[in-house]
Amino acid sequence: MAAPDLLTPENCTLLIIDHQPQMAFGVASHDRQAMKSNAVALAKSARVFKIPTILTTVETKSFSGYTYPELLAALPRCKPIERTSMNSWDSAEVRDAVKKAGRKKLLLAGLWTEVCINSCAFSAMQDGYEVYVVADACGGTSKEAHDLSMQRMIQAGVVPMTWQQTMLEWQRDWARKETYDAVIAIVQEHSGAYGMGVDYAYTMVHGAAARKA
C-alpha cells in the first residue's frame, strides 16, 4: 500500500456534520464539553488555513436545535446545509459543495459517529474520496458505539485523526509565520496541558506579559 500524503491546506475539504444540542445530548462516548471544544478548535483551525468547510444540520427546528453558536462564530461565512437524511451524502447540496471544493481528501467530524459519520464516510468513499475522520470531534451514543464505528471505518480504509493532529499537520513548519500566531492562540485556548505549557514558556521563560482571558 502506498504511503498516504500528508494533509495540507491545499489538498483537503472539511465537512462538519450535525454538531447540534439535541444530538450532543445523546453522546455518551466523550465528555460533551471537551467534544464541543474540539469541534470548535477544528473549525477555527480550518478558518486559519482557509480550508473549504461545509456545515450540515439535520431537523434543526423539529428535533436537533441550532448549531453551537461558538461553531458558527468560528465559521462566519458557512451557512449550514439543512437535511432530513441521516446520511449527509444523500443531499445533493452537500455533495455539490464538496465537489465544488475540488479536493479528494475529505475530513469528517460530527454526531453521531456510528450513524451520520459512518454512513457519510462510506458513501463518500464509494464516490472516490479519500476520507479522514477527526475522531475527537465526533461522538457516539456509547463508548462502544463510537469505538466500533471507528474500527469499522478504519478497516474500510478511513484514516483516523484528532483535531490537534490535523491542525499541526496543516501548520507543519513553525517557520510558517503567517499562521503561527493564530495556531498558538488556538493551542492556548483549546489544547489543555499543551496550551498551559505554551503560556508558561511565554511568560516564565521568555518574559512575555501574562495572557488575559
C-alpha atoms as a PDB file:
ATOM      1  CA  MET A   1       0.000   0.000   0.000  1.00  0.00           C
ATOM      2  CA  ALA A   2       1.324   3.429  -0.906  1.00  0.00           C
ATOM      3  CA  ALA A   3       2.126   5.775   1.965  1.00  0.00           C
ATOM      4  CA  PRO A   4      -0.579   8.442   2.370  1.00  0.00           C
ATOM      5  CA  ASP A   5       0.157  12.048   1.563  1.00  0.00           C
ATOM      6  CA  LEU A   6       0.231  14.463   4.468  1.00  0.00           C
ATOM      7  CA  LEU A   7      -2.730  16.789   4.814  1.00  0.00           C
ATOM      8  CA  THR A   8      -2.049  20.296   3.558  1.00  0.00           C
ATOM      9  CA  PRO A   9      -4.213  23.418   3.368  1.00  0.00           C
ATOM     10  CA  GLU A  10      -4.370  22.860  -0.385  1.00  0.00           C
ATOM     11  CA  ASN A  11      -5.468  19.230  -0.597  1.00  0.00           C
ATOM     12  CA  CYS A  12      -8.463  18.730   1.699  1.00  0.00           C
ATOM     13  CA  THR A  13     -12.025  19.749   2.488  1.00  0.00           C
ATOM     14  CA  LEU A  14     -13.741  19.655   5.895  1.00  0.00           C
ATOM     15  CA  LEU A  15     -17.343  18.524   6.393  1.00  0.00           C
ATOM     16  CA  ILE A  16     -18.780  19.166   9.879  1.00  0.00           C
ATOM     17  CA  ILE A  17     -21.966  17.219  10.497  1.00  0.00           C
ATOM     18  CA  ASP A  18     -24.770  17.886  12.995  1.00  0.00           C
ATOM     19  CA  HIS A  19     -22.986  19.488  15.929  1.00  0.00           C
ATOM     20  CA  GLN A  20     -26.360  20.433  17.394  1.00  0.00           C
ATOM     21  CA  PRO A  21     -27.578  20.361  21.017  1.00  0.00           C
ATOM     22  CA  GLN A  22     -30.064  17.511  20.805  1.00  0.00           C
ATOM     23  CA  MET A  23     -27.511  15.363  19.008  1.00  0.00           C
ATOM     24  CA  ALA A  24     -24.943  16.202  21.691  1.00  0.00           C
ATOM     25  CA  PHE A  25     -27.402  15.219  24.442  1.00  0.00           C
ATOM     26  CA  GLY A  26     -27.224  11.654  23.135  1.00  0.00           C
ATOM     27  CA  VAL A  27     -23.424  11.453  23.220  1.00  0.00           C
ATOM     28  CA  ALA A  28     -22.004   9.149  25.896  1.00  0.00           C
ATOM     29  CA  SER A  29     -18.623   8.292  24.346  1.00  0.00           C
ATOM     30  CA  HIS A  30     -16.875  11.558  25.261  1.00  0.00           C
ATOM     31  CA  ASP A  31     -17.119  14.399  27.720  1.00  0.00           C
ATOM     32  CA  ARG A  32     -19.567  16.610  25.841  1.00  0.00           C
ATOM     33  CA  GLN A  33     -17.897  19.911  26.695  1.00  0.00           C
ATOM     34  CA  ALA A  34     -14.494  18.582  25.601  1.00  0.00           C
ATOM     35  CA  MET A  35     -16.011  17.267  22.369  1.00  0.00           C
ATOM     36  CA  LYS A  36     -17.606  20.650  21.690  1.00  0.00           C
ATOM     37  CA  SER A  37     -14.299  22.405  22.369  1.00  0.00           C
ATOM     38  CA  ASN A  38     -12.554  20.014  19.972  1.00  0.00           C
ATOM     39  CA  ALA A  39     -15.077  20.701  17.215  1.00  0.00           C
ATOM     40  CA  VAL A  40     -14.730  24.460  17.678  1.00  0.00           C
ATOM     41  CA  ALA A  41     -10.928  24.176  17.694  1.00  0.00           C
ATOM     42  CA  LEU A  42     -11.070  22.194  14.451  1.00  0.00           C
ATOM     43  CA  ALA A  43     -13.320  24.819  12.881  1.00  0.00           C
ATOM     44  CA  LYS A  44     -11.037  27.655  13.995  1.00  0.00           C
ATOM     45  CA  SER A  45      -8.066  25.789  12.562  1.00  0.00           C
ATOM     46  CA  ALA A  46      -9.846  25.316   9.239  1.00  0.00           C
ATOM     47  CA  ARG A  47     -10.553  29.031   9.106  1.00  0.00           C
ATOM     48  CA  VAL A  48      -6.903  29.914   9.802  1.00  0.00           C
ATOM     49  CA  PHE A  49      -5.704  27.672   6.981  1.00  0.00           C
ATOM     50  CA  LYS A  50      -8.532  28.617   4.606  1.00  0.00           C
ATOM     51  CA  ILE A  51      -9.771  25.025   4.323  1.00  0.00           C
ATOM     52  CA  PRO A  52     -13.029  24.765   2.352  1.00  0.00           C
ATOM     53  CA  THR A  53     -15.515  23.921   5.103  1.00  0.00           C
ATOM     54  CA  ILE A  54     -19.123  22.760   4.891  1.00  0.00           C
ATOM     55  CA  LEU A  55     -21.578  22.635   7.806  1.00  0.00           C
ATOM     56  CA  THR A  56     -24.624  20.411   7.763  1.00  0.00           C
ATOM     57  CA  THR A  57     -27.607  20.185  10.102  1.00  0.00           C
ATOM     58  CA  VAL A  58     -30.481  17.761  10.434  1.00  0.00           C
ATOM     59  CA  GLU A  59     -34.059  18.521  11.505  1.00  0.00           C
ATOM     60  CA  THR A  60     -32.995  21.761  13.170  1.00  0.00           C
ATOM     61  CA  LYS A  61     -36.396  23.093  14.210  1.00  0.00           C
ATOM     62  CA  SER A  62     -38.232  19.833  14.758  1.00  0.00           C
ATOM     63  CA  PHE A  63     -35.634  17.971  16.808  1.00  0.00           C
ATOM     64  CA  SER A  64     -31.924  18.807  16.859  1.00  0.00           C
ATOM     65  CA  GLY A  65     -31.684  22.547  17.583  1.00  0.00           C
ATOM     66  CA  TYR A  66     -29.289  25.058  16.099  1.00  0.00           C
ATOM     67  CA  THR A  67     -25.558  24.561  15.516  1.00  0.00           C
ATOM     68  CA  TYR A  68     -23.441  25.596  18.516  1.00  0.00           C
ATOM     69  CA  PRO A  69     -23.044  29.396  18.414  1.00  0.00           C
ATOM     70  CA  GLU A  70     -19.300  29.011  19.055  1.00  0.00           C
ATOM     71  CA  LEU A  71     -19.026  26.883  15.930  1.00  0.00           C
ATOM     72  CA  LEU A  72     -20.951  29.393  13.849  1.00  0.00           C
ATOM     73  CA  ALA A  73     -18.750  32.194  15.208  1.00  0.00           C
ATOM     74  CA  ALA A  74     -15.645  30.243  14.170  1.00  0.00           C
ATOM     75  CA  LEU A  75     -17.046  29.851  10.649  1.00  0.00           C
ATOM     76  CA  PRO A  76     -18.960  33.073   9.981  1.00  0.00           C
ATOM     77  CA  ARG A  77     -19.144  32.509   6.229  1.00  0.00           C
ATOM     78  CA  CYS A  78     -20.563  28.981   6.470  1.00  0.00           C
ATOM     79  CA  LYS A  79     -24.318  28.704   6.161  1.00  0.00           C
ATOM     80  CA  PRO A  80     -25.394  25.258   7.389  1.00  0.00           C
ATOM     81  CA  ILE A  81     -26.966  22.964   4.827  1.00  0.00           C
ATOM     82  CA  GLU A  82     -30.192  21.565   6.262  1.00  0.00           C
ATOM     83  CA  ARG A  83     -31.172  17.959   5.508  1.00  0.00           C
ATOM     84  CA  THR A  84     -33.566  15.230   6.580  1.00  0.00           C
ATOM     85  CA  SER A  85     -31.440  12.173   5.793  1.00  0.00           C
ATOM     86  CA  MET A  86     -29.144  10.702   8.436  1.00  0.00           C
ATOM     87  CA  ASN A  87     -26.537  10.387   5.681  1.00  0.00           C
ATOM     88  CA  SER A  88     -25.286  13.816   4.609  1.00  0.00           C
ATOM     89  CA  TRP A  89     -24.097  12.310   1.338  1.00  0.00           C
ATOM     90  CA  ASP A  90     -27.725  11.710   0.350  1.00  0.00           C
ATOM     91  CA  SER A  91     -28.028  15.502  -0.003  1.00  0.00           C
ATOM     92  CA  ALA A  92     -27.189  16.725  -3.493  1.00  0.00           C
ATOM     93  CA  GLU A  93     -26.405  20.128  -1.996  1.00  0.00           C
ATOM     94  CA  VAL A  94     -23.780  18.609   0.296  1.00  0.00           C
ATOM     95  CA  ARG A  95     -22.254  16.520  -2.488  1.00  0.00           C
ATOM     96  CA  ASP A  96     -22.142  19.539  -4.788  1.00  0.00           C
ATOM     97  CA  ALA A  97     -20.470  21.677  -2.123  1.00  0.00           C
ATOM     98  CA  VAL A  98     -17.773  19.056  -1.584  1.00  0.00           C
ATOM     99  CA  LYS A  99     -17.314  18.607  -5.325  1.00  0.00           C
ATOM    100  CA  LYS A 100     -17.028  22.378  -5.839  1.00  0.00           C
ATOM    101  CA  ALA A 101     -14.032  22.475  -3.489  1.00  0.00           C
ATOM    102  CA  GLY A 102     -12.232  20.249  -5.982  1.00  0.00           C
ATOM    103  CA  ARG A 103     -10.263  18.173  -3.473  1.00  0.00           C
ATOM    104  CA  LYS A 104     -10.270  14.419  -3.000  1.00  0.00           C
ATOM    105  CA  LYS A 105      -9.247  14.351   0.680  1.00  0.00           C
ATOM    106  CA  LEU A 106     -12.383  14.758   2.804  1.00  0.00           C
ATOM    107  CA  LEU A 107     -12.268  15.248   6.582  1.00  0.00           C
ATOM    108  CA  LEU A 108     -15.392  14.440   8.583  1.00  0.00           C
ATOM    109  CA  ALA A 109     -16.353  15.494  12.105  1.00  0.00           C
ATOM    110  CA  GLY A 110     -19.762  15.277  13.713  1.00  0.00           C
ATOM    111  CA  LEU A 111     -22.524  13.437  15.546  1.00  0.00           C
ATOM    112  CA  TRP A 112     -23.143  10.571  15.828  1.00  0.00           C
ATOM    113  CA  THR A 113     -20.088   8.555  14.851  1.00  0.00           C
ATOM    114  CA  GLU A 114     -21.975   5.321  14.306  1.00  0.00           C
ATOM    115  CA  VAL A 115     -24.702   6.835  12.159  1.00  0.00           C
ATOM    116  CA  CYS A 116     -24.079  10.151  10.413  1.00  0.00           C
ATOM    117  CA  ILE A 117     -20.292   9.850  10.203  1.00  0.00           C
ATOM    118  CA  ASN A 118     -20.205   6.165   9.314  1.00  0.00           C
ATOM    119  CA  SER A 119     -22.746   6.382   6.517  1.00  0.00           C
ATOM    120  CA  CYS A 120     -21.305   9.578   5.032  1.00  0.00           C
ATOM    121  CA  ALA A 121     -17.772   8.164   5.107  1.00  0.00           C
ATOM    122  CA  PHE A 122     -18.711   5.022   3.211  1.00  0.00           C
ATOM    123  CA  SER A 123     -20.821   6.891   0.664  1.00  0.00           C
ATOM    124  CA  ALA A 124     -18.065   9.436   0.000  1.00  0.00           C
ATOM    125  CA  MET A 125     -15.548   6.606  -0.411  1.00  0.00           C
ATOM    126  CA  GLN A 126     -17.821   4.998  -2.992  1.00  0.00           C
ATOM    127  CA  ASP A 127     -17.637   8.274  -4.921  1.00  0.00           C
ATOM    128  CA  GLY A 128     -13.845   8.230  -4.909  1.00  0.00           C
ATOM    129  CA  TYR A 129     -12.981  10.416  -1.912  1.00  0.00           C
ATOM    130  CA  GLU A 130     -10.139   9.666   0.489  1.00  0.00           C
ATOM    131  CA  VAL A 131     -11.865  10.003   3.865  1.00  0.00           C
ATOM    132  CA  TYR A 132     -10.402  11.087   7.196  1.00  0.00           C
ATOM    133  CA  VAL A 133     -12.423  11.147  10.426  1.00  0.00           C
ATOM    134  CA  VAL A 134     -11.464  13.574  13.199  1.00  0.00           C
ATOM    135  CA  ALA A 135     -12.395  11.178  15.975  1.00  0.00           C
ATOM    136  CA  ASP A 136     -12.221  13.522  18.971  1.00  0.00           C
ATOM    137  CA  ALA A 137     -14.544  15.986  17.222  1.00  0.00           C
ATOM    138  CA  CYS A 138     -17.102  13.178  16.861  1.00  0.00           C
ATOM    139  CA  GLY A 139     -19.219  11.405  19.433  1.00  0.00           C
ATOM    140  CA  GLY A 140     -21.341   8.294  19.702  1.00  0.00           C
ATOM    141  CA  THR A 141     -24.215   7.167  21.876  1.00  0.00           C
ATOM    142  CA  SER A 142     -21.819   4.975  23.884  1.00  0.00           C
ATOM    143  CA  LYS A 143     -18.077   4.434  24.002  1.00  0.00           C
ATOM    144  CA  GLU A 144     -18.626   1.054  22.385  1.00  0.00           C
ATOM    145  CA  ALA A 145     -20.703   2.597  19.595  1.00  0.00           C
ATOM    146  CA  HIS A 146     -18.023   5.195  18.837  1.00  0.00           C
ATOM    147  CA  ASP A 147     -15.100   2.789  19.112  1.00  0.00           C
ATOM    148  CA  LEU A 148     -16.638   0.039  16.997  1.00  0.00           C
ATOM    149  CA  SER A 149     -17.722   2.554  14.396  1.00  0.00           C
ATOM    150  CA  MET A 150     -14.177   3.917  14.186  1.00  0.00           C
ATOM    151  CA  GLN A 151     -12.837   0.358  13.876  1.00  0.00           C
ATOM    152  CA  ARG A 152     -15.323  -0.432  11.116  1.00  0.00           C
ATOM    153  CA  MET A 153     -14.322   2.675   9.176  1.00  0.00           C
ATOM    154  CA  ILE A 154     -10.596   2.080   9.671  1.00  0.00           C
ATOM    155  CA  GLN A 155     -10.996  -1.484   8.354  1.00  0.00           C
ATOM    156  CA  ALA A 156     -12.597   0.018   5.247  1.00  0.00           C
ATOM    157  CA  GLY A 157      -9.734   2.464   4.710  1.00  0.00           C
ATOM    158  CA  VAL A 158     -10.816   5.599   6.578  1.00  0.00           C
ATOM    159  CA  VAL A 159      -7.911   7.447   8.221  1.00  0.00           C
ATOM    160  CA  PRO A 160      -8.453   8.384  11.902  1.00  0.00           C
ATOM    161  CA  MET A 161      -7.260  11.785  13.098  1.00  0.00           C
ATOM    162  CA  THR A 162      -7.570  14.133  16.086  1.00  0.00           C
ATOM    163  CA  TRP A 163      -8.242  17.845  15.777  1.00  0.00           C
ATOM    164  CA  GLN A 164      -4.814  18.870  17.090  1.00  0.00           C
ATOM    165  CA  GLN A 165      -3.034  16.398  14.849  1.00  0.00           C
ATOM    166  CA  THR A 166      -4.965  17.851  11.915  1.00  0.00           C
ATOM    167  CA  MET A 167      -4.107  21.455  12.776  1.00  0.00           C
ATOM    168  CA  LEU A 168      -0.418  20.748  13.308  1.00  0.00           C
ATOM    169  CA  GLU A 169      -0.238  18.779  10.071  1.00  0.00           C
ATOM    170  CA  TRP A 170      -1.633  21.833   8.287  1.00  0.00           C
ATOM    171  CA  GLN A 171       0.929  24.053  10.025  1.00  0.00           C
ATOM    172  CA  ARG A 172       3.791  21.547   9.568  1.00  0.00           C
ATOM    173  CA  ASP A 173       6.588  24.087   9.978  1.00  0.00           C
ATOM    174  CA  TRP A 174       6.817  26.696  12.759  1.00  0.00           C
ATOM    175  CA  ALA A 175       8.632  28.928  10.267  1.00  0.00           C
ATOM    176  CA  ARG A 176       5.258  29.491   8.569  1.00  0.00           C
ATOM    177  CA  LYS A 177       4.761  32.782  10.342  1.00  0.00           C
ATOM    178  CA  GLU A 178       1.578  33.768   8.504  1.00  0.00           C
ATOM    179  CA  THR A 179      -0.367  31.204  10.547  1.00  0.00           C
ATOM    180  CA  TYR A 180       1.909  30.836  13.593  1.00  0.00           C
ATOM    181  CA  ASP A 181       0.207  33.310  15.939  1.00  0.00           C
ATOM    182  CA  ALA A 182      -3.287  32.053  15.141  1.00  0.00           C
ATOM    183  CA  VAL A 183      -2.277  28.426  15.687  1.00  0.00           C
ATOM    184  CA  ILE A 184      -0.646  29.255  19.015  1.00  0.00           C
ATOM    185  CA  ALA A 185      -3.799  31.114  20.096  1.00  0.00           C
ATOM    186  CA  ILE A 186      -5.890  28.008  19.325  1.00  0.00           C
ATOM    187  CA  VAL A 187      -3.422  25.855  21.264  1.00  0.00           C
ATOM    188  CA  GLN A 188      -3.604  28.173  24.268  1.00  0.00           C
ATOM    189  CA  GLU A 189      -7.406  28.108  24.299  1.00  0.00           C
ATOM    190  CA  HIS A 190      -8.181  24.516  23.363  1.00  0.00           C
ATOM    191  CA  SER A 191      -5.130  22.273  23.895  1.00  0.00           C
ATOM    192  CA  GLY A 192      -5.285  21.706  27.640  1.00  0.00           C
ATOM    193  CA  ALA A 193      -1.893  20.911  29.145  1.00  0.00           C
ATOM    194  CA  TYR A 194      -0.093  21.752  25.894  1.00  0.00           C
ATOM    195  CA  GLY A 195      -1.683  25.205  25.941  1.00  0.00           C
ATOM    196  CA  MET A 196      -0.760  25.669  29.589  1.00  0.00           C
ATOM    197  CA  GLY A 197       2.826  24.783  28.705  1.00  0.00           C
ATOM    198  CA  VAL A 198       2.862  27.391  25.966  1.00  0.00           C
ATOM    199  CA  ASP A 199       1.556  30.016  28.418  1.00  0.00           C
ATOM    200  CA  TYR A 200       4.262  29.046  30.910  1.00  0.00           C
ATOM    201  CA  ALA A 201       7.039  29.190  28.340  1.00  0.00           C
ATOM    202  CA  TYR A 202       5.932  32.582  27.048  1.00  0.00           C
ATOM    203  CA  THR A 203       5.630  34.197  30.471  1.00  0.00           C
ATOM    204  CA  MET A 204       8.174  32.467  32.676  1.00  0.00           C
ATOM    205  CA  VAL A 205      10.887  31.644  30.126  1.00  0.00           C
ATOM    206  CA  HIS A 206      10.537  34.419  27.572  1.00  0.00           C
ATOM    207  CA  GLY A 207       9.202  37.148  29.860  1.00  0.00           C
ATOM    208  CA  ALA A 208       6.007  37.877  27.962  1.00  0.00           C
ATOM    209  CA  ALA A 209       3.126  39.598  29.712  1.00  0.00           C
ATOM    210  CA  ALA A 210       0.533  37.284  31.201  1.00  0.00           C
ATOM    211  CA  ARG A 211      -2.242  36.492  28.731  1.00  0.00           C
ATOM    212  CA  LYS A 212      -5.642  37.978  29.559  1.00  0.00           C
ATOM    213  CA  ALA A 213      -8.727  35.803  29.332  1.00  0.00           C
END
